[in-house]
Amino acid sequence: MKLRQYYGCIILMLVSVWATAANVEIHQHKSREIGPDTPIPKIELTVFRDIMDGVNVHVDVANYVLNAPDLATKSLISEEGFLQGHAHVFVNGSKRQRLYGKDVHIPKSWLKDGVNQVAISLNSHQHENWVSNEHNIVGSIFLDLSKEQLVLHNFTSQPIEKSHAHH
């Protein structure tokens, strides 16, 4: 039992360090507060093992148009009335790439043995972090490829509310 508590403390400490590292990287960009009349973007991440290498991350968004700069309208607001922009993909605190769609492959070479963090932030096409009430719009997953249960922790600053079927 004490060994289990020890490992639990170690994992919590590692998670705190990696969360801080990713947060520092995300905060290195300028922020842009979302106006009071604009729907707040929502983000959720789902991770799947890739059969060839690493993992695949699916990015689900609501109240947001995820697109490439050349496909965007000139306004910050899309034709649908939502903010638009792209996402930044961070692995273990380092920005790895931009994302213009809903799926991204994370190769095993980007991951280390043990616990890893994948964080995805929503950004304007001017590379500003979208912010609501002083919080970045970001999803983050902690995973360990060596574990049967791949995902150790899943966090989002703005969860997507799931609708329930009524009987």
Foldseek 3Di string as FASTA:
>chain_A
DVVVVVVVVVVVVLVVVLVVLQVVLLVVAAADEDDPVADDKAWFWDWDQDPPFAIKIFIDMDLEQQADPVVADPDLAGPVRGGYAWKWKDKSNHTDDIGRHGMDGDGCVSPDADKMKIKMFGAHNVRHFYDYPNHGFMKMWIAHPVDPPGTPDIDTPGHDDDDDDDD
